[in-house]
Amino acid sequence: MINESYNYFSSLPLLELVAVVSSLLYVILAAKRNIWCWPAALLSTVIYTVVFYDVYLWMDSALQVYYTGMAFYGWYCWRITNKDSVNKDNDDTSLTLSKNTTITIKKWQLSIHIKAILLLSVLSLIVGKLMAIYTPTHFPYFDAATTIFAVFATYMVTQKVLENWIYWIIIDFVSIYLYIQKELTPTAILFILYVGFAAYGYLQWRKEYKIQRLNCHNA
């Protein structure tokens, strides 16, 4: 059994394994709100751009290009917010914080998420239809939906929006199915782990958000 497992993983493409490890490192560090998650994201996205293109998941490949840019943007945003001493809460209370108080995690109103989900769903159907007609990509609607929702969820991460983790849990479940179908087994396993880490990330960020809100009210 051990020998079979070793032979299996040793036969996998090295680049995909590197992408898996760096992707896993990214989500762990992001859950801990560690800024070094972004360099890890940069490494994995560059590799996955090639991997997904080779297996005709072209929207996923294009998504990696976007992720590459967001890795730089995320580093910039987190670096700036970590330095700022004065911030403004972005939820429905719109509290102005005292000079010594910083809220780095935000919470959006439900109405914002409803509008976003409706818009992203329509865009997914349109892009999926175009891909089905004009490209040889496989699973065009699933591919389009995971890509478009991931674009939005990634932006939420850069802005430290609490609910980003809920989006990722759903995106990861759909992605697991896609990667199993394309026989990207290490990546499918990675996304199974992602679901667990996304749940962990949500609980950690929610806990921190409550602490920050309490500090804000006591300031």
N, C-alpha and C. Protein backbone atom coordinates (compact mmCIF):
# COMPACT_ATOMS: atom_id res chain seq x y z
N MET A 1 0.83 -1.20 0.00
CA MET A 1 0.00 0.00 0.00
C MET A 1 0.88 1.26 0.00
N ILE A 2 1.90 1.28 0.85
CA ILE A 2 2.81 2.42 0.94
C ILE A 2 3.57 2.58 -0.37
N ASN A 3 4.03 1.45 -0.93
CA ASN A 3 4.77 1.50 -2.18
C ASN A 3 3.90 2.00 -3.33
N GLU A 4 2.63 1.56 -3.34
CA GLU A 4 1.71 2.01 -4.38
C GLU A 4 1.47 3.51 -4.29
N SER A 5 1.31 4.01 -3.07
CA SER A 5 1.09 5.44 -2.88
C SER A 5 2.32 6.23 -3.31
N TYR A 6 3.49 5.71 -2.93
CA TYR A 6 4.73 6.40 -3.31
C TYR A 6 4.89 6.43 -4.83
N ASN A 7 4.63 5.30 -5.49
CA ASN A 7 4.75 5.24 -6.94
C ASN A 7 3.78 6.18 -7.63
N TYR A 8 2.58 6.29 -7.04
CA TYR A 8 1.56 7.17 -7.64
C TYR A 8 2.01 8.63 -7.59
N PHE A 9 2.38 9.10 -6.41
CA PHE A 9 2.73 10.50 -6.25
C PHE A 9 4.06 10.84 -6.92
N SER A 10 4.97 9.86 -6.99
CA SER A 10 6.26 10.12 -7.65
C SER A 10 6.10 10.22 -9.16
N SER A 11 5.00 9.68 -9.69
CA SER A 11 4.77 9.74 -11.13
C SER A 11 4.03 11.00 -11.55
N LEU A 12 3.57 11.80 -10.59
CA LEU A 12 2.83 13.00 -10.91
C LEU A 12 3.76 14.10 -11.44
N PRO A 13 3.25 14.97 -12.29
CA PRO A 13 4.08 16.08 -12.79
C PRO A 13 4.57 16.94 -11.63
N LEU A 14 5.86 17.26 -11.65
CA LEU A 14 6.46 18.03 -10.57
C LEU A 14 5.81 19.41 -10.44
N LEU A 15 5.52 20.02 -11.57
CA LEU A 15 4.95 21.37 -11.53
C LEU A 15 3.60 21.39 -10.82
N GLU A 16 2.77 20.35 -11.09
CA GLU A 16 1.47 20.32 -10.44
C GLU A 16 1.62 20.14 -8.93
N LEU A 17 2.59 19.33 -8.52
CA LEU A 17 2.82 19.14 -7.10
C LEU A 17 3.27 20.43 -6.43
N VAL A 18 4.15 21.17 -7.10
CA VAL A 18 4.60 22.46 -6.56
C VAL A 18 3.42 23.42 -6.45
N ALA A 19 2.56 23.41 -7.46
CA ALA A 19 1.39 24.28 -7.44
C ALA A 19 0.44 23.91 -6.31
N VAL A 20 0.29 22.61 -6.08
CA VAL A 20 -0.58 22.15 -4.99
C VAL A 20 -0.05 22.62 -3.64
N VAL A 21 1.25 22.43 -3.41
CA VAL A 21 1.84 22.79 -2.12
C VAL A 21 1.76 24.30 -1.90
N SER A 22 2.10 25.09 -2.91
CA SER A 22 2.07 26.54 -2.75
C SER A 22 0.65 27.06 -2.60
N SER A 23 -0.32 26.41 -3.27
CA SER A 23 -1.73 26.80 -3.12
C SER A 23 -2.22 26.52 -1.72
N LEU A 24 -1.83 25.37 -1.19
CA LEU A 24 -2.22 25.01 0.17
C LEU A 24 -1.61 25.99 1.17
N LEU A 25 -0.36 26.35 0.94
CA LEU A 25 0.31 27.32 1.81
C LEU A 25 -0.41 28.66 1.77
N TYR A 26 -0.87 29.03 0.57
CA TYR A 26 -1.60 30.31 0.43
C TYR A 26 -2.85 30.35 1.31
N VAL A 27 -3.68 29.32 1.22
CA VAL A 27 -4.95 29.36 1.95
C VAL A 27 -4.73 29.27 3.46
N ILE A 28 -3.71 28.55 3.89
CA ILE A 28 -3.40 28.47 5.32
C ILE A 28 -2.98 29.85 5.84
N LEU A 29 -2.09 30.49 5.11
CA LEU A 29 -1.61 31.81 5.52
C LEU A 29 -2.71 32.86 5.44
N ALA A 30 -3.58 32.74 4.42
CA ALA A 30 -4.68 33.69 4.30
C ALA A 30 -5.64 33.56 5.47
N ALA A 31 -5.91 32.33 5.88
CA ALA A 31 -6.80 32.10 7.02
C ALA A 31 -6.24 32.73 8.29
N LYS A 32 -4.91 32.79 8.38
CA LYS A 32 -4.25 33.39 9.53
C LYS A 32 -3.99 34.88 9.32
N ARG A 33 -4.45 35.42 8.21
CA ARG A 33 -4.26 36.82 7.85
C ARG A 33 -2.78 37.19 7.80
N ASN A 34 -2.01 36.28 7.25
CA ASN A 34 -0.57 36.49 7.10
C ASN A 34 -0.30 37.00 5.68
N ILE A 35 0.35 38.14 5.56
CA ILE A 35 0.57 38.78 4.27
C ILE A 35 1.39 37.93 3.31
N TRP A 36 2.15 36.96 3.85
CA TRP A 36 2.98 36.12 2.98
C TRP A 36 2.16 35.10 2.20
N CYS A 37 0.85 35.12 2.39
CA CYS A 37 0.00 34.27 1.55
C CYS A 37 0.08 34.69 0.09
N TRP A 38 0.32 35.97 -0.15
CA TRP A 38 0.30 36.45 -1.54
C TRP A 38 1.48 35.99 -2.38
N PRO A 39 2.71 35.95 -1.87
CA PRO A 39 3.78 35.33 -2.66
C PRO A 39 3.52 33.86 -2.97
N ALA A 40 2.95 33.13 -2.00
CA ALA A 40 2.60 31.73 -2.25
C ALA A 40 1.56 31.63 -3.35
N ALA A 41 0.59 32.55 -3.34
CA ALA A 41 -0.44 32.57 -4.38
C ALA A 41 0.18 32.85 -5.74
N LEU A 42 1.14 33.74 -5.78
CA LEU A 42 1.79 34.10 -7.05
C LEU A 42 2.46 32.89 -7.69
N LEU A 43 3.17 32.11 -6.88
CA LEU A 43 3.85 30.91 -7.41
C LEU A 43 2.85 29.91 -7.96
N SER A 44 1.80 29.63 -7.21
CA SER A 44 0.84 28.61 -7.65
C SER A 44 0.08 29.05 -8.89
N THR A 45 -0.26 30.33 -8.99
CA THR A 45 -1.06 30.79 -10.13
C THR A 45 -0.28 30.75 -11.43
N VAL A 46 1.00 31.06 -11.37
CA VAL A 46 1.82 31.00 -12.57
C VAL A 46 1.86 29.57 -13.12
N ILE A 47 2.01 28.61 -12.22
CA ILE A 47 2.08 27.21 -12.65
C ILE A 47 0.73 26.72 -13.16
N TYR A 48 -0.34 27.04 -12.43
CA TYR A 48 -1.66 26.55 -12.82
C TYR A 48 -2.17 27.17 -14.11
N THR A 49 -1.65 28.31 -14.49
CA THR A 49 -2.01 28.89 -15.78
C THR A 49 -1.71 27.91 -16.90
N VAL A 50 -0.56 27.26 -16.82
CA VAL A 50 -0.14 26.29 -17.83
C VAL A 50 -0.89 24.97 -17.67
N VAL A 51 -1.02 24.50 -16.44
CA VAL A 51 -1.66 23.21 -16.17
C VAL A 51 -3.10 23.18 -16.69
N PHE A 52 -3.87 24.19 -16.37
CA PHE A 52 -5.28 24.21 -16.76
C PHE A 52 -5.45 24.42 -18.26
N TYR A 53 -4.55 25.18 -18.87
CA TYR A 53 -4.63 25.37 -20.32
C TYR A 53 -4.41 24.05 -21.04
N ASP A 54 -3.50 23.25 -20.55
CA ASP A 54 -3.18 21.97 -21.19
C ASP A 54 -4.33 20.98 -21.15
N VAL A 55 -5.24 21.10 -20.15
CA VAL A 55 -6.35 20.15 -20.04
C VAL A 55 -7.68 20.78 -20.48
N TYR A 56 -7.61 21.86 -21.23
CA TYR A 56 -8.78 22.51 -21.82
C TYR A 56 -9.77 23.06 -20.79
N LEU A 57 -9.25 23.48 -19.66
CA LEU A 57 -10.05 24.29 -18.73
C LEU A 57 -9.57 25.73 -18.89
N TRP A 58 -9.96 26.31 -20.02
CA TRP A 58 -9.38 27.58 -20.42
C TRP A 58 -9.81 28.74 -19.53
N MET A 59 -11.04 28.71 -19.03
CA MET A 59 -11.45 29.77 -18.12
C MET A 59 -10.67 29.70 -16.82
N ASP A 60 -10.42 28.48 -16.35
CA ASP A 60 -9.59 28.32 -15.15
C ASP A 60 -8.18 28.83 -15.41
N SER A 61 -7.68 28.59 -16.62
CA SER A 61 -6.35 29.08 -16.97
C SER A 61 -6.32 30.61 -16.99
N ALA A 62 -7.35 31.20 -17.60
CA ALA A 62 -7.45 32.66 -17.62
C ALA A 62 -7.58 33.22 -16.21
N LEU A 63 -8.28 32.48 -15.36
CA LEU A 63 -8.45 32.91 -13.98
C LEU A 63 -7.11 33.00 -13.26
N GLN A 64 -6.20 32.10 -13.58
CA GLN A 64 -4.89 32.12 -12.94
C GLN A 64 -4.11 33.38 -13.31
N VAL A 65 -4.31 33.86 -14.53
CA VAL A 65 -3.67 35.11 -14.94
C VAL A 65 -4.19 36.26 -14.07
N TYR A 66 -5.50 36.25 -13.86
CA TYR A 66 -6.11 37.24 -12.97
C TYR A 66 -5.56 37.11 -11.56
N TYR A 67 -5.46 35.87 -11.07
CA TYR A 67 -4.93 35.63 -9.73
C TYR A 67 -3.51 36.19 -9.60
N THR A 68 -2.73 36.08 -10.66
CA THR A 68 -1.36 36.58 -10.62
C THR A 68 -1.34 38.07 -10.33
N GLY A 69 -2.20 38.80 -11.05
CA GLY A 69 -2.30 40.23 -10.79
C GLY A 69 -2.83 40.54 -9.41
N MET A 70 -3.81 39.75 -8.95
CA MET A 70 -4.39 39.97 -7.63
C MET A 70 -3.42 39.63 -6.51
N ALA A 71 -2.45 38.77 -6.78
CA ALA A 71 -1.44 38.47 -5.77
C ALA A 71 -0.64 39.73 -5.45
N PHE A 72 -0.30 40.49 -6.50
CA PHE A 72 0.40 41.76 -6.29
C PHE A 72 -0.53 42.78 -5.62
N TYR A 73 -1.77 42.83 -6.08
CA TYR A 73 -2.73 43.78 -5.52
C TYR A 73 -3.04 43.45 -4.06
N GLY A 74 -3.21 42.17 -3.77
CA GLY A 74 -3.49 41.74 -2.40
C GLY A 74 -2.35 42.10 -1.46
N TRP A 75 -1.12 41.86 -1.91
CA TRP A 75 0.05 42.23 -1.11
C TRP A 75 0.01 43.73 -0.82
N TYR A 76 -0.28 44.52 -1.83
CA TYR A 76 -0.33 45.99 -1.66
C TYR A 76 -1.41 46.39 -0.67
N CYS A 77 -2.63 45.85 -0.84
CA CYS A 77 -3.75 46.21 0.03
C CYS A 77 -3.48 45.82 1.48
N TRP A 78 -3.01 44.60 1.69
CA TRP A 78 -2.77 44.13 3.06
C TRP A 78 -1.62 44.91 3.70
N ARG A 79 -0.64 45.26 2.91
CA ARG A 79 0.51 46.01 3.44
C ARG A 79 0.07 47.41 3.86
N ILE A 80 -0.79 48.01 3.04
CA ILE A 80 -1.28 49.35 3.35
C ILE A 80 -2.17 49.34 4.59
N THR A 81 -3.12 48.36 4.65
CA THR A 81 -4.04 48.33 5.79
C THR A 81 -3.33 47.97 7.08
N ASN A 82 -2.25 47.20 6.98
CA ASN A 82 -1.48 46.89 8.18
C ASN A 82 -0.73 48.10 8.70
N LYS A 83 -0.45 49.06 7.81
CA LYS A 83 0.29 50.25 8.22
C LYS A 83 -0.64 51.35 8.71
N ASP A 84 -1.84 51.40 8.18
CA ASP A 84 -2.75 52.48 8.52
C ASP A 84 -3.17 52.41 9.98
N SER A 85 -3.25 53.53 10.61
CA SER A 85 -3.70 53.59 12.00
C SER A 85 -5.15 54.02 12.12
N VAL A 86 -5.72 54.52 11.00
CA VAL A 86 -7.11 54.94 11.02
C VAL A 86 -7.82 54.28 9.86
N ASN A 87 -8.92 53.56 10.14
CA ASN A 87 -9.70 52.90 9.11
C ASN A 87 -11.16 53.12 9.38
N LYS A 88 -11.94 52.81 8.37
CA LYS A 88 -13.39 52.96 8.50
C LYS A 88 -14.06 51.63 8.28
N ASP A 89 -14.97 51.24 9.17
CA ASP A 89 -15.69 49.99 9.06
C ASP A 89 -16.57 50.04 7.82
N ASN A 90 -16.70 48.92 7.10
CA ASN A 90 -17.42 48.90 5.83
C ASN A 90 -18.77 48.22 5.92
N ASP A 91 -19.25 47.91 7.15
CA ASP A 91 -20.54 47.24 7.21
C ASP A 91 -21.64 48.26 7.39
N ASP A 92 -22.84 47.81 7.76
CA ASP A 92 -23.99 48.68 7.78
C ASP A 92 -23.91 49.76 8.85
N THR A 93 -23.05 49.60 9.86
CA THR A 93 -22.97 50.60 10.91
C THR A 93 -22.10 51.78 10.51
N SER A 94 -21.18 51.56 9.55
CA SER A 94 -20.30 52.61 9.04
C SER A 94 -19.66 53.43 10.16
N LEU A 95 -19.06 52.75 11.10
CA LEU A 95 -18.46 53.42 12.24
C LEU A 95 -17.13 54.07 11.86
N THR A 96 -16.92 55.28 12.34
CA THR A 96 -15.61 55.90 12.20
C THR A 96 -14.80 55.57 13.43
N LEU A 97 -13.63 55.02 13.23
CA LEU A 97 -12.86 54.50 14.35
C LEU A 97 -11.98 55.57 14.96
N SER A 98 -11.65 55.36 16.21
CA SER A 98 -10.75 56.27 16.87
C SER A 98 -9.34 56.12 16.31
N LYS A 99 -8.47 57.04 16.68
CA LYS A 99 -7.13 57.08 16.09
C LYS A 99 -6.34 55.81 16.34
N ASN A 100 -6.56 55.18 17.48
CA ASN A 100 -5.76 54.01 17.85
C ASN A 100 -6.46 52.69 17.53
N THR A 101 -7.56 52.74 16.80
CA THR A 101 -8.33 51.53 16.52
C THR A 101 -8.30 51.22 15.03
N THR A 102 -8.05 49.98 14.69
CA THR A 102 -8.02 49.57 13.28
C THR A 102 -8.86 48.32 13.09
N ILE A 103 -9.83 48.40 12.17
CA ILE A 103 -10.59 47.20 11.80
C ILE A 103 -10.11 46.75 10.44
N THR A 104 -9.54 45.58 10.37
CA THR A 104 -9.00 45.08 9.12
C THR A 104 -9.92 44.09 8.44
N ILE A 105 -10.89 43.57 9.14
CA ILE A 105 -11.84 42.64 8.56
C ILE A 105 -13.19 43.34 8.42
N LYS A 106 -13.80 43.21 7.24
CA LYS A 106 -15.05 43.90 6.95
C LYS A 106 -16.18 42.90 6.78
N LYS A 107 -17.39 43.39 6.94
CA LYS A 107 -18.58 42.54 6.75
C LYS A 107 -19.57 43.31 5.89
N TRP A 108 -19.99 42.70 4.78
CA TRP A 108 -20.90 43.37 3.86
C TRP A 108 -22.35 43.03 4.17
N GLN A 109 -23.24 43.94 3.83
CA GLN A 109 -24.66 43.71 4.01
C GLN A 109 -25.16 42.59 3.09
N LEU A 110 -26.22 41.90 3.51
CA LEU A 110 -26.78 40.80 2.73
C LEU A 110 -27.23 41.26 1.35
N SER A 111 -27.77 42.47 1.27
CA SER A 111 -28.26 42.99 -0.01
C SER A 111 -27.15 43.08 -1.05
N ILE A 112 -25.94 43.39 -0.60
CA ILE A 112 -24.80 43.46 -1.52
C ILE A 112 -24.51 42.08 -2.09
N HIS A 113 -24.55 41.06 -1.25
CA HIS A 113 -24.28 39.70 -1.71
C HIS A 113 -25.37 39.19 -2.66
N ILE A 114 -26.61 39.50 -2.38
CA ILE A 114 -27.71 39.07 -3.25
C ILE A 114 -27.54 39.66 -4.64
N LYS A 115 -27.28 40.96 -4.71
CA LYS A 115 -27.07 41.61 -6.01
C LYS A 115 -25.87 41.04 -6.73
N ALA A 116 -24.79 40.79 -5.99
CA ALA A 116 -23.57 40.24 -6.60
C ALA A 116 -23.80 38.85 -7.16
N ILE A 117 -24.49 38.01 -6.40
CA ILE A 117 -24.75 36.63 -6.83
C ILE A 117 -25.62 36.60 -8.08
N LEU A 118 -26.64 37.44 -8.12
CA LEU A 118 -27.51 37.51 -9.30
C LEU A 118 -26.72 37.95 -10.53
N LEU A 119 -25.92 38.99 -10.37
CA LEU A 119 -25.13 39.49 -11.50
C LEU A 119 -24.10 38.46 -11.95
N LEU A 120 -23.41 37.85 -11.02
CA LEU A 120 -22.39 36.86 -11.37
C LEU A 120 -22.99 35.63 -12.02
N SER A 121 -24.20 35.25 -11.60
CA SER A 121 -24.88 34.09 -12.20
C SER A 121 -25.24 34.36 -13.65
N VAL A 122 -25.74 35.56 -13.93
CA VAL A 122 -26.07 35.93 -15.31
C VAL A 122 -24.83 35.95 -16.18
N LEU A 123 -23.76 36.54 -15.66
CA LEU A 123 -22.50 36.57 -16.40
C LEU A 123 -21.98 35.16 -16.66
N SER A 124 -22.13 34.27 -15.70
CA SER A 124 -21.67 32.88 -15.86
C SER A 124 -22.41 32.18 -16.98
N LEU A 125 -23.72 32.40 -17.06
CA LEU A 125 -24.52 31.79 -18.13
C LEU A 125 -24.12 32.33 -19.49
N ILE A 126 -23.89 33.63 -19.57
CA ILE A 126 -23.51 34.24 -20.85
C ILE A 126 -22.15 33.74 -21.30
N VAL A 127 -21.18 33.79 -20.40
CA VAL A 127 -19.82 33.35 -20.75
C VAL A 127 -19.81 31.85 -21.04
N GLY A 128 -20.54 31.07 -20.27
CA GLY A 128 -20.61 29.63 -20.50
C GLY A 128 -21.18 29.31 -21.87
N LYS A 129 -22.22 30.04 -22.26
CA LYS A 129 -22.84 29.84 -23.58
C LYS A 129 -21.84 30.15 -24.70
N LEU A 130 -21.14 31.26 -24.56
CA LEU A 130 -20.15 31.65 -25.58
C LEU A 130 -19.02 30.64 -25.67
N MET A 131 -18.59 30.13 -24.53
CA MET A 131 -17.53 29.12 -24.53
C MET A 131 -18.00 27.82 -25.16
N ALA A 132 -19.26 27.45 -24.90
CA ALA A 132 -19.80 26.22 -25.47
C ALA A 132 -19.87 26.30 -26.99
N ILE A 133 -20.10 27.50 -27.51
CA ILE A 133 -20.26 27.68 -28.95
C ILE A 133 -18.92 27.84 -29.66
N TYR A 134 -18.04 28.62 -29.07
CA TYR A 134 -16.85 29.08 -29.80
C TYR A 134 -15.53 28.45 -29.35
N THR A 135 -15.52 27.66 -28.29
CA THR A 135 -14.25 27.08 -27.83
C THR A 135 -14.41 25.58 -27.60
N PRO A 136 -13.29 24.86 -27.59
CA PRO A 136 -13.32 23.42 -27.31
C PRO A 136 -13.23 23.11 -25.82
N THR A 137 -13.35 24.12 -24.98
CA THR A 137 -13.20 23.91 -23.54
C THR A 137 -14.23 22.93 -23.01
N HIS A 138 -13.86 22.17 -22.00
CA HIS A 138 -14.74 21.19 -21.39
C HIS A 138 -15.53 21.82 -20.25
N PHE A 139 -16.75 21.33 -20.00
CA PHE A 139 -17.61 21.82 -18.92
C PHE A 139 -17.69 23.36 -18.92
N PRO A 140 -18.12 23.94 -20.04
CA PRO A 140 -18.04 25.41 -20.17
C PRO A 140 -18.83 26.18 -19.12
N TYR A 141 -20.00 25.69 -18.71
CA TYR A 141 -20.81 26.44 -17.75
C TYR A 141 -20.21 26.37 -16.34
N PHE A 142 -19.80 25.18 -15.93
CA PHE A 142 -19.14 25.05 -14.63
C PHE A 142 -17.83 25.84 -14.61
N ASP A 143 -17.08 25.72 -15.71
CA ASP A 143 -15.80 26.41 -15.82
C ASP A 143 -16.00 27.92 -15.71
N ALA A 144 -17.00 28.42 -16.42
CA ALA A 144 -17.28 29.85 -16.40
C ALA A 144 -17.74 30.31 -15.02
N ALA A 145 -18.62 29.54 -14.39
CA ALA A 145 -19.17 29.93 -13.09
C ALA A 145 -18.09 29.98 -12.02
N THR A 146 -17.27 28.92 -11.94
CA THR A 146 -16.22 28.91 -10.92
C THR A 146 -15.24 30.05 -11.14
N THR A 147 -14.97 30.36 -12.40
CA THR A 147 -14.03 31.43 -12.71
C THR A 147 -14.58 32.79 -12.32
N ILE A 148 -15.80 33.08 -12.73
CA ILE A 148 -16.38 34.40 -12.47
C ILE A 148 -16.61 34.63 -10.98
N PHE A 149 -17.12 33.62 -10.30
CA PHE A 149 -17.32 33.77 -8.85
C PHE A 149 -15.99 33.86 -8.11
N ALA A 150 -14.98 33.15 -8.61
CA ALA A 150 -13.67 33.21 -7.97
C ALA A 150 -13.02 34.58 -8.14
N VAL A 151 -13.26 35.22 -9.29
CA VAL A 151 -12.76 36.57 -9.51
C VAL A 151 -13.29 37.50 -8.42
N PHE A 152 -14.59 37.40 -8.17
CA PHE A 152 -15.22 38.25 -7.16
C PHE A 152 -14.74 37.90 -5.76
N ALA A 153 -14.65 36.60 -5.48
CA ALA A 153 -14.23 36.16 -4.14
C ALA A 153 -12.79 36.57 -3.85
N THR A 154 -11.93 36.53 -4.88
CA THR A 154 -10.55 36.95 -4.69
C THR A 154 -10.46 38.43 -4.35
N TYR A 155 -11.27 39.24 -5.01
CA TYR A 155 -11.31 40.66 -4.67
C TYR A 155 -11.73 40.84 -3.21
N MET A 156 -12.70 40.03 -2.76
CA MET A 156 -13.15 40.11 -1.38
C MET A 156 -12.01 39.78 -0.40
N VAL A 157 -11.16 38.83 -0.79
CA VAL A 157 -10.02 38.49 0.07
C VAL A 157 -9.08 39.69 0.20
N THR A 158 -8.79 40.35 -0.94
CA THR A 158 -7.88 41.49 -0.89
C THR A 158 -8.43 42.60 0.00
N GLN A 159 -9.75 42.70 0.06
CA GLN A 159 -10.39 43.72 0.89
C GLN A 159 -10.71 43.22 2.30
N LYS A 160 -10.34 41.99 2.60
CA LYS A 160 -10.57 41.37 3.90
C LYS A 160 -12.06 41.37 4.28
N VAL A 161 -12.88 40.93 3.34
CA VAL A 161 -14.32 40.80 3.59
C VAL A 161 -14.59 39.41 4.15
N LEU A 162 -15.23 39.35 5.29
CA LEU A 162 -15.44 38.10 6.02
C LEU A 162 -16.09 37.02 5.16
N GLU A 163 -17.12 37.38 4.41
CA GLU A 163 -17.92 36.38 3.69
C GLU A 163 -17.21 35.74 2.52
N ASN A 164 -16.00 36.17 2.19
CA ASN A 164 -15.28 35.57 1.07
C ASN A 164 -15.15 34.07 1.25
N TRP A 165 -15.01 33.63 2.50
CA TRP A 165 -14.80 32.20 2.77
C TRP A 165 -16.02 31.37 2.41
N ILE A 166 -17.22 31.93 2.55
CA ILE A 166 -18.44 31.21 2.18
C ILE A 166 -18.48 30.99 0.68
N TYR A 167 -18.10 32.02 -0.07
CA TYR A 167 -18.02 31.88 -1.53
C TYR A 167 -17.04 30.78 -1.91
N TRP A 168 -15.89 30.77 -1.24
CA TRP A 168 -14.86 29.80 -1.60
C TRP A 168 -15.28 28.37 -1.30
N ILE A 169 -16.03 28.16 -0.24
CA ILE A 169 -16.50 26.80 0.08
C ILE A 169 -17.34 26.25 -1.07
N ILE A 170 -18.25 27.07 -1.60
CA ILE A 170 -19.11 26.63 -2.71
C ILE A 170 -18.29 26.46 -3.98
N ILE A 171 -17.42 27.41 -4.28
CA ILE A 171 -16.58 27.33 -5.47
C ILE A 171 -15.71 26.07 -5.43
N ASP A 172 -15.16 25.78 -4.27
CA ASP A 172 -14.27 24.62 -4.14
C ASP A 172 -15.01 23.31 -4.36
N PHE A 173 -16.24 23.20 -3.89
CA PHE A 173 -17.01 21.98 -4.11
C PHE A 173 -17.23 21.72 -5.60
N VAL A 174 -17.58 22.76 -6.33
CA VAL A 174 -17.79 22.61 -7.78
C VAL A 174 -16.47 22.28 -8.46
N SER A 175 -15.40 22.92 -8.03
CA SER A 175 -14.09 22.68 -8.64
C SER A 175 -13.61 21.25 -8.42
N ILE A 176 -13.93 20.68 -7.27
CA ILE A 176 -13.54 19.28 -7.00
C ILE A 176 -14.10 18.36 -8.08
N TYR A 177 -15.37 18.57 -8.43
CA TYR A 177 -15.99 17.75 -9.48
C TYR A 177 -15.25 17.93 -10.81
N LEU A 178 -14.93 19.17 -11.16
CA LEU A 178 -14.26 19.44 -12.43
C LEU A 178 -12.90 18.74 -12.50
N TYR A 179 -12.13 18.83 -11.44
CA TYR A 179 -10.78 18.29 -11.46
C TYR A 179 -10.76 16.77 -11.41
N ILE A 180 -11.75 16.18 -10.77
CA ILE A 180 -11.87 14.73 -10.80
C ILE A 180 -12.17 14.26 -12.22
N GLN A 181 -13.07 14.97 -12.89
CA GLN A 181 -13.41 14.62 -14.26
C GLN A 181 -12.21 14.77 -15.20
N LYS A 182 -11.34 15.72 -14.92
CA LYS A 182 -10.16 15.95 -15.78
C LYS A 182 -8.95 15.16 -15.30
N GLU A 183 -9.13 14.29 -14.30
CA GLU A 183 -8.08 13.43 -13.76
C GLU A 183 -6.90 14.23 -13.20
N LEU A 184 -7.20 15.41 -12.67
CA LEU A 184 -6.19 16.19 -11.95
C LEU A 184 -6.32 15.83 -10.46
N THR A 185 -5.93 14.62 -10.13
CA THR A 185 -6.17 14.09 -8.79
C THR A 185 -5.53 14.91 -7.68
N PRO A 186 -4.24 15.31 -7.81
CA PRO A 186 -3.65 16.12 -6.73
C PRO A 186 -4.40 17.43 -6.51
N THR A 187 -4.84 18.03 -7.61
CA THR A 187 -5.56 19.29 -7.50
C THR A 187 -6.94 19.07 -6.87
N ALA A 188 -7.59 17.97 -7.21
CA ALA A 188 -8.88 17.65 -6.59
C ALA A 188 -8.71 17.45 -5.08
N ILE A 189 -7.65 16.75 -4.69
CA ILE A 189 -7.37 16.56 -3.27
C ILE A 189 -7.10 17.90 -2.59
N LEU A 190 -6.36 18.75 -3.30
CA LEU A 190 -6.08 20.09 -2.78
C LEU A 190 -7.37 20.84 -2.48
N PHE A 191 -8.33 20.76 -3.39
CA PHE A 191 -9.57 21.50 -3.21
C PHE A 191 -10.46 20.88 -2.13
N ILE A 192 -10.32 19.60 -1.90
CA ILE A 192 -11.00 19.00 -0.75
C ILE A 192 -10.45 19.61 0.54
N LEU A 193 -9.13 19.76 0.59
CA LEU A 193 -8.51 20.40 1.75
C LEU A 193 -8.93 21.86 1.84
N TYR A 194 -9.08 22.50 0.67
CA TYR A 194 -9.50 23.90 0.63
C TYR A 194 -10.83 24.10 1.36
N VAL A 195 -11.76 23.17 1.19
CA VAL A 195 -13.07 23.30 1.82
C VAL A 195 -12.90 23.38 3.34
N GLY A 196 -12.07 22.50 3.87
CA GLY A 196 -11.84 22.51 5.31
C GLY A 196 -11.15 23.79 5.77
N PHE A 197 -10.16 24.23 5.02
CA PHE A 197 -9.44 25.45 5.40
C PHE A 197 -10.31 26.69 5.22
N ALA A 198 -11.20 26.66 4.23
CA ALA A 198 -12.11 27.80 4.06
C ALA A 198 -13.06 27.92 5.24
N ALA A 199 -13.53 26.78 5.72
CA ALA A 199 -14.38 26.79 6.91
C ALA A 199 -13.60 27.31 8.12
N TYR A 200 -12.35 26.85 8.24
CA TYR A 200 -11.49 27.32 9.32
C TYR A 200 -11.23 28.82 9.20
N GLY A 201 -10.96 29.27 7.98
CA GLY A 201 -10.71 30.69 7.75
C GLY A 201 -11.91 31.55 8.13
N TYR A 202 -13.10 31.06 7.79
CA TYR A 202 -14.30 31.83 8.13
C TYR A 202 -14.46 31.95 9.64
N LEU A 203 -14.28 30.86 10.35
CA LEU A 203 -14.41 30.89 11.81
C LEU A 203 -13.37 31.80 12.45
N GLN A 204 -12.14 31.75 11.95
CA GLN A 204 -11.08 32.59 12.49
C GLN A 204 -11.33 34.07 12.22
N TRP A 205 -11.74 34.39 10.99
CA TRP A 205 -11.99 35.78 10.63
C TRP A 205 -13.21 36.32 11.38
N ARG A 206 -14.24 35.48 11.53
CA ARG A 206 -15.43 35.93 12.25
C ARG A 206 -15.09 36.22 13.71
N LYS A 207 -14.28 35.37 14.31
CA LYS A 207 -13.85 35.59 15.69
C LYS A 207 -13.09 36.90 15.82
N GLU A 208 -12.15 37.12 14.89
CA GLU A 208 -11.37 38.35 14.91
C GLU A 208 -12.24 39.58 14.66
N TYR A 209 -13.22 39.43 13.76
CA TYR A 209 -14.12 40.55 13.46
C TYR A 209 -14.91 40.95 14.70
N LYS A 210 -15.40 39.97 15.46
CA LYS A 210 -16.15 40.27 16.68
C LYS A 210 -15.26 40.96 17.70
N ILE A 211 -14.02 40.54 17.81
CA ILE A 211 -13.09 41.18 18.74
C ILE A 211 -12.84 42.63 18.33
N GLN A 212 -12.67 42.83 17.02
CA GLN A 212 -12.43 44.19 16.53
C GLN A 212 -13.63 45.09 16.75
N ARG A 213 -14.82 44.56 16.53
CA ARG A 213 -16.03 45.35 16.78
C ARG A 213 -16.17 45.71 18.26
N LEU A 214 -15.83 44.76 19.11
CA LEU A 214 -15.90 45.02 20.55
C LEU A 214 -14.89 46.09 20.96
N ASN A 215 -13.69 46.02 20.41
CA ASN A 215 -12.68 47.02 20.69
C ASN A 215 -13.11 48.40 20.18
N CYS A 216 -13.80 48.36 19.03
CA CYS A 216 -14.28 49.62 18.45
C CYS A 216 -15.30 50.29 19.37
N HIS A 217 -16.23 49.52 19.87
CA HIS A 217 -17.27 50.07 20.75
C HIS A 217 -16.72 50.52 22.08
N ASN A 218 -15.64 49.87 22.53
CA ASN A 218 -15.06 50.22 23.82
C ASN A 218 -14.06 51.36 23.71
N ALA A 219 -13.71 51.73 22.47
CA ALA A 219 -12.70 52.79 22.28
C ALA A 219 -13.23 54.16 22.69
